[in-house]
Amino acid sequence: MKNTVSGLLALLLFCAAAGASDAAAPTSGQTSELSGREIMTRVYNRDEGDDRRSTITMTLTNKQGRQRIRAMESYSKNYGQDRKGIMIFLDPADVKGTMYLSWEYESPGREDDKWLYMPAMRKDRRISGASRNEYFMGSDFTYDDIGRRHPEKDKQRLLKEEKVRGLDCWKIECVPVDRSESYTLRTAWVSKEYLLVIKAEYFDKDGLLKTFEATDIHTQNGFSAIYVCEMANAATGHKTEMRIGSMRYNTGLNDSLFTVATLQRGRIQ
């Protein structure tokens, strides 16, 4: 059963729901022999159940401290090596009913399918090409940030081991194989205990662009997940907090939920 992101955040939306089985973590005797690629592959492959459903609060804060708060529900399900996910915004009124659907594929050479449904237009929009680098619903996460990232899309290098928020971590440099991507470099700190990316720095050609940090991790039913995280944009001073309210695993989600027809109906049920 596969995990998400390693682009993070996996952090979130669908990735925040990405749990790691405690049994999946390597013992201390194994860690010194691991390469950066091997570590990120373990993050990508960690067990997180067959399906997940969660409630999420997204708080957008601008440089002046003004906030906008959005509530949503997120659902995701594994299909062998692939994964499908759907999210719907519940509040406030100006985004209520907006839905995001993703079909994420194991093959690193196959482009994921992603759609955004806007109720005001009563139509869905395909997210592809350069659109994947756009920011998702006014947040500091791009569409690619909230999806799975196959380890083969980067060249990884283990830099060193250090602590983040008291947790022993591997610090790993990730350089995209495709030089046309918006990020020229990502530095990720992976918790040895949880096999989760708990901090990451994103760089473009001008330097540090934004920083991701997980501040709360919960373990439920044998799965550990990031419950609170923040992405802060160094250039604009804007930041986005994602907070999980509830999480349920292996509830038997119906396949019909993860279809374009669900988007076109404009509702989950």
Foldseek 3Di string as FASTA:
>chain_A
DWAFAPLDCCDDLQHLLGWAFLVLFDDPVPPVPDWQLRLSVSLGRGDRFFKKKFKKKKWKAFQVGDIDIWIKIKIKGDDDQKIKIKMATCDDPQRHLKMKIWTGDPDQVDDIWIWIFGVVVLDIDTQDDPQQQDCDPPAPAGVVSNTGDHSVQWDKGFDAWDDDPRFIWTWMKTAGPPCVDQFRIKIFTAGSSTSHGAKMFTHGPVGTFKIKGADDWDADPSIIGRAWMKIAGPVGRMMMIMGTDDMDHDPPDDPVQRDVVVSSVSHSD
